[in-house]
Amino acid sequence: MRKISKILVVVLCVLSICTILASCGNNDTAGTMTLIVGETEYTVDLSKVEGNDGLFAVLRTLEKQGELTYTANGNFLTQVGNLQQDARAGVYLYIYTSVEEDFDVSVYATEKDYKEKKLVSSGVGADSMHVKKDCYIKIETVLWA
C-alpha cells in the first residue's frame, strides 16, 4: 500500500509540474492576430510563431519571413519596421493592445480605437505581452517632451 501511495504522489507531482510549465506561455498557437506598425498592418498566423515571449516572438517571426525588421535594447524595443526611437528628440515607441489582461491600469493609460476595436496602452513589456487569437497590437511613436 505504501508503494502505491509513493507512486501516486510522484505521478501527481509530475502532472502538476507539466501543467504549470504548459500554462506559462503568453502566446496562443492557433488562429491569427493583427500587428499594426505605424500604418502598416500584418496578419500573423499564430501557428507559425515560435516562442512564448509575447510580442518578441511575433516580431521574430515576421523578421524571419522578411516582412519587417526590429531592434531592441534588452527587452526595450528601439526600432520596429520604419518606426524608430530617437531619445534626443523625445521620440519613443508606444504599444497598444486589445488584450485586457495587458492593459495599462495606471493614470497614464491611453486609449484609442482601431477598426472598431478598443486598444489601450500596454502596461507590460513586449516580452510579457499576451498574444491571443484575434487580438490587435499596435506600435506607434509617441513624443515625450
C-alpha atoms as a PDB file:
ATOM      1  CA  MET A   1       0.000   0.000   0.000  1.00  0.00           C
ATOM      2  CA  ARG A   2       2.846   2.386   0.844  1.00  0.00           C
ATOM      3  CA  LYS A   3       4.472   1.704  -2.515  1.00  0.00           C
ATOM      4  CA  ILE A   4       1.282   2.635  -4.376  1.00  0.00           C
ATOM      5  CA  SER A   5       0.973   5.831  -2.317  1.00  0.00           C
ATOM      6  CA  LYS A   6       4.532   6.858  -3.162  1.00  0.00           C
ATOM      7  CA  ILE A   7       3.993   6.178  -6.864  1.00  0.00           C
ATOM      8  CA  LEU A   8       0.740   8.159  -6.792  1.00  0.00           C
ATOM      9  CA  VAL A   9       2.464  11.135  -5.138  1.00  0.00           C
ATOM     10  CA  VAL A  10       5.260  11.094  -7.734  1.00  0.00           C
ATOM     11  CA  VAL A  11       2.755  10.908 -10.624  1.00  0.00           C
ATOM     12  CA  LEU A  12       0.731  13.809  -9.189  1.00  0.00           C
ATOM     13  CA  CYS A  13       3.885  15.906  -8.768  1.00  0.00           C
ATOM     14  CA  VAL A  14       4.958  15.258 -12.367  1.00  0.00           C
ATOM     15  CA  LEU A  15       1.477  16.140 -13.655  1.00  0.00           C
ATOM     16  CA  SER A  16       1.442  19.350 -11.593  1.00  0.00           C
ATOM     17  CA  ILE A  17       4.830  20.424 -12.944  1.00  0.00           C
ATOM     18  CA  CYS A  18       3.741  19.709 -16.534  1.00  0.00           C
ATOM     19  CA  THR A  19       0.558  21.742 -16.042  1.00  0.00           C
ATOM     20  CA  ILE A  20       2.487  24.682 -14.609  1.00  0.00           C
ATOM     21  CA  LEU A  21       5.024  24.641 -17.447  1.00  0.00           C
ATOM     22  CA  ALA A  22       2.335  24.373 -20.113  1.00  0.00           C
ATOM     23  CA  SER A  23       0.444  27.364 -18.713  1.00  0.00           C
ATOM     24  CA  CYS A  24       3.491  29.661 -18.635  1.00  0.00           C
ATOM     25  CA  GLY A  25       3.244  30.733 -22.249  1.00  0.00           C
ATOM     26  CA  ASN A  26       1.664  34.026 -23.217  1.00  0.00           C
ATOM     27  CA  ASN A  27       1.017  33.172 -26.854  1.00  0.00           C
ATOM     28  CA  ASP A  28      -1.862  31.295 -28.449  1.00  0.00           C
ATOM     29  CA  THR A  29      -0.754  28.782 -31.070  1.00  0.00           C
ATOM     30  CA  ALA A  30      -3.794  28.753 -33.353  1.00  0.00           C
ATOM     31  CA  GLY A  31      -5.663  31.406 -35.299  1.00  0.00           C
ATOM     32  CA  THR A  32      -4.369  34.810 -36.320  1.00  0.00           C
ATOM     33  CA  MET A  33      -3.618  38.156 -34.720  1.00  0.00           C
ATOM     34  CA  THR A  34      -3.119  41.601 -36.214  1.00  0.00           C
ATOM     35  CA  LEU A  35       0.019  43.666 -35.702  1.00  0.00           C
ATOM     36  CA  ILE A  36      -0.069  47.294 -36.816  1.00  0.00           C
ATOM     37  CA  VAL A  37       3.254  49.105 -37.144  1.00  0.00           C
ATOM     38  CA  GLY A  38       2.581  52.756 -37.878  1.00  0.00           C
ATOM     39  CA  GLU A  39       0.125  52.498 -40.756  1.00  0.00           C
ATOM     40  CA  THR A  40       1.199  49.024 -41.953  1.00  0.00           C
ATOM     41  CA  GLU A  41      -0.953  46.071 -40.933  1.00  0.00           C
ATOM     42  CA  TYR A  42       0.306  42.482 -40.654  1.00  0.00           C
ATOM     43  CA  THR A  43      -1.893  39.435 -40.204  1.00  0.00           C
ATOM     44  CA  VAL A  44       0.134  36.881 -38.256  1.00  0.00           C
ATOM     45  CA  ASP A  45      -0.589  33.142 -38.347  1.00  0.00           C
ATOM     46  CA  LEU A  46      -0.065  32.131 -34.711  1.00  0.00           C
ATOM     47  CA  SER A  47       0.742  28.534 -35.656  1.00  0.00           C
ATOM     48  CA  LYS A  48       3.957  29.851 -37.273  1.00  0.00           C
ATOM     49  CA  VAL A  49       5.065  31.900 -34.260  1.00  0.00           C
ATOM     50  CA  GLU A  50       7.896  30.254 -32.337  1.00  0.00           C
ATOM     51  CA  GLY A  51       8.430  31.047 -28.679  1.00  0.00           C
ATOM     52  CA  ASN A  52       6.313  32.312 -25.840  1.00  0.00           C
ATOM     53  CA  ASP A  53       7.990  35.651 -25.206  1.00  0.00           C
ATOM     54  CA  GLY A  54       4.999  37.755 -26.168  1.00  0.00           C
ATOM     55  CA  LEU A  55       5.403  40.354 -28.883  1.00  0.00           C
ATOM     56  CA  PHE A  56       9.068  39.464 -29.417  1.00  0.00           C
ATOM     57  CA  ALA A  57       8.041  36.045 -30.760  1.00  0.00           C
ATOM     58  CA  VAL A  58       5.727  37.734 -33.280  1.00  0.00           C
ATOM     59  CA  LEU A  59       8.414  40.206 -34.345  1.00  0.00           C
ATOM     60  CA  ARG A  60      10.994  37.417 -34.794  1.00  0.00           C
ATOM     61  CA  THR A  61       8.535  35.504 -36.956  1.00  0.00           C
ATOM     62  CA  LEU A  62       7.853  38.488 -39.194  1.00  0.00           C
ATOM     63  CA  GLU A  63      11.581  39.204 -39.438  1.00  0.00           C
ATOM     64  CA  LYS A  64      12.311  35.586 -40.457  1.00  0.00           C
ATOM     65  CA  GLN A  65       9.621  35.913 -43.136  1.00  0.00           C
ATOM     66  CA  GLY A  66      11.333  39.073 -44.416  1.00  0.00           C
ATOM     67  CA  GLU A  67       8.324  41.269 -43.664  1.00  0.00           C
ATOM     68  CA  LEU A  68       9.933  43.691 -41.197  1.00  0.00           C
ATOM     69  CA  THR A  69      12.977  44.308 -39.042  1.00  0.00           C
ATOM     70  CA  TYR A  70      13.221  45.265 -35.408  1.00  0.00           C
ATOM     71  CA  THR A  71      15.887  46.096 -32.849  1.00  0.00           C
ATOM     72  CA  ALA A  72      15.794  46.089 -29.096  1.00  0.00           C
ATOM     73  CA  ASN A  73      17.985  47.134 -26.220  1.00  0.00           C
ATOM     74  CA  GLY A  74      17.363  44.227 -23.859  1.00  0.00           C
ATOM     75  CA  ASN A  75      13.578  43.987 -23.606  1.00  0.00           C
ATOM     76  CA  PHE A  76      13.080  47.591 -24.752  1.00  0.00           C
ATOM     77  CA  LEU A  77      12.074  47.976 -28.414  1.00  0.00           C
ATOM     78  CA  THR A  78      14.024  50.736 -30.165  1.00  0.00           C
ATOM     79  CA  GLN A  79      13.008  50.142 -33.801  1.00  0.00           C
ATOM     80  CA  VAL A  80      10.187  48.246 -35.492  1.00  0.00           C
ATOM     81  CA  GLY A  81       9.726  48.481 -39.243  1.00  0.00           C
ATOM     82  CA  ASN A  82      10.056  52.140 -40.209  1.00  0.00           C
ATOM     83  CA  LEU A  83       9.398  53.379 -36.648  1.00  0.00           C
ATOM     84  CA  GLN A  84      12.470  54.302 -34.653  1.00  0.00           C
ATOM     85  CA  GLN A  85      13.176  55.691 -31.218  1.00  0.00           C
ATOM     86  CA  ASP A  86      15.052  58.989 -31.017  1.00  0.00           C
ATOM     87  CA  ALA A  87      15.688  59.696 -27.340  1.00  0.00           C
ATOM     88  CA  ARG A  88      17.327  63.065 -28.064  1.00  0.00           C
ATOM     89  CA  ALA A  89      14.151  64.246 -29.772  1.00  0.00           C
ATOM     90  CA  GLY A  90      11.948  62.580 -27.127  1.00  0.00           C
ATOM     91  CA  VAL A  91      10.502  60.059 -29.606  1.00  0.00           C
ATOM     92  CA  TYR A  92       9.778  56.577 -28.242  1.00  0.00           C
ATOM     93  CA  LEU A  93       7.875  53.517 -29.388  1.00  0.00           C
ATOM     94  CA  TYR A  94       4.479  53.067 -27.750  1.00  0.00           C
ATOM     95  CA  ILE A  95       2.474  49.851 -27.757  1.00  0.00           C
ATOM     96  CA  TYR A  96      -1.308  49.476 -27.634  1.00  0.00           C
ATOM     97  CA  THR A  97      -3.161  46.192 -27.228  1.00  0.00           C
ATOM     98  CA  SER A  98      -6.674  44.780 -27.323  1.00  0.00           C
ATOM     99  CA  VAL A  99      -5.796  42.098 -24.718  1.00  0.00           C
ATOM    100  CA  GLU A 100      -7.421  43.277 -21.485  1.00  0.00           C
ATOM    101  CA  GLU A 101      -5.015  41.497 -19.152  1.00  0.00           C
ATOM    102  CA  ASP A 102      -2.177  43.614 -20.617  1.00  0.00           C
ATOM    103  CA  PHE A 103      -3.973  46.978 -20.340  1.00  0.00           C
ATOM    104  CA  ASP A 104      -2.139  49.746 -18.507  1.00  0.00           C
ATOM    105  CA  VAL A 105      -4.225  50.469 -15.411  1.00  0.00           C
ATOM    106  CA  SER A 106      -2.239  53.488 -14.260  1.00  0.00           C
ATOM    107  CA  VAL A 107      -3.282  57.121 -14.572  1.00  0.00           C
ATOM    108  CA  TYR A 108      -1.031  57.292 -17.658  1.00  0.00           C
ATOM    109  CA  ALA A 109      -3.065  54.776 -19.669  1.00  0.00           C
ATOM    110  CA  THR A 110      -4.240  55.976 -23.055  1.00  0.00           C
ATOM    111  CA  GLU A 111      -6.960  54.533 -25.216  1.00  0.00           C
ATOM    112  CA  LYS A 112      -7.699  54.577 -28.926  1.00  0.00           C
ATOM    113  CA  ASP A 113      -9.909  52.789 -31.406  1.00  0.00           C
ATOM    114  CA  TYR A 114      -8.659  50.834 -34.381  1.00  0.00           C
ATOM    115  CA  LYS A 115     -11.212  49.331 -36.753  1.00  0.00           C
ATOM    116  CA  GLU A 116     -13.843  49.433 -34.030  1.00  0.00           C
ATOM    117  CA  LYS A 117     -11.523  47.639 -31.575  1.00  0.00           C
ATOM    118  CA  LYS A 118     -10.652  49.281 -28.270  1.00  0.00           C
ATOM    119  CA  LEU A 119      -6.888  49.456 -27.808  1.00  0.00           C
ATOM    120  CA  VAL A 120      -5.244  50.532 -24.555  1.00  0.00           C
ATOM    121  CA  SER A 121      -1.600  51.317 -23.933  1.00  0.00           C
ATOM    122  CA  SER A 122       0.229  48.240 -22.743  1.00  0.00           C
ATOM    123  CA  GLY A 123       1.003  48.027 -19.057  1.00  0.00           C
ATOM    124  CA  VAL A 124       3.547  45.220 -19.559  1.00  0.00           C
ATOM    125  CA  GLY A 125       6.753  44.904 -21.555  1.00  0.00           C
ATOM    126  CA  ALA A 126       6.824  43.491 -25.082  1.00  0.00           C
ATOM    127  CA  ASP A 127       8.286  40.214 -23.797  1.00  0.00           C
ATOM    128  CA  SER A 128       5.425  39.746 -21.307  1.00  0.00           C
ATOM    129  CA  MET A 129       2.527  40.642 -23.601  1.00  0.00           C
ATOM    130  CA  HIS A 130      -0.178  38.079 -24.263  1.00  0.00           C
ATOM    131  CA  VAL A 131      -0.595  37.308 -27.953  1.00  0.00           C
ATOM    132  CA  LYS A 132      -4.096  35.900 -28.327  1.00  0.00           C
ATOM    133  CA  LYS A 133      -6.186  34.745 -31.245  1.00  0.00           C
ATOM    134  CA  ASP A 134      -7.921  37.722 -32.924  1.00  0.00           C
ATOM    135  CA  CYS A 135      -6.033  40.293 -30.828  1.00  0.00           C
ATOM    136  CA  TYR A 136      -4.692  43.582 -32.124  1.00  0.00           C
ATOM    137  CA  ILE A 137      -1.338  45.063 -31.138  1.00  0.00           C
ATOM    138  CA  LYS A 138      -0.428  48.494 -32.489  1.00  0.00           C
ATOM    139  CA  ILE A 139       3.030  50.046 -32.344  1.00  0.00           C
ATOM    140  CA  GLU A 140       3.487  53.742 -32.992  1.00  0.00           C
ATOM    141  CA  THR A 141       5.692  56.574 -31.838  1.00  0.00           C
ATOM    142  CA  VAL A 142       4.979  58.989 -29.044  1.00  0.00           C
ATOM    143  CA  LEU A 143       6.647  62.292 -28.267  1.00  0.00           C
ATOM    144  CA  TRP A 144       7.653  62.834 -24.633  1.00  0.00           C
ATOM    145  CA  ALA A 145       8.804  66.413 -24.206  1.00  0.00           C
END
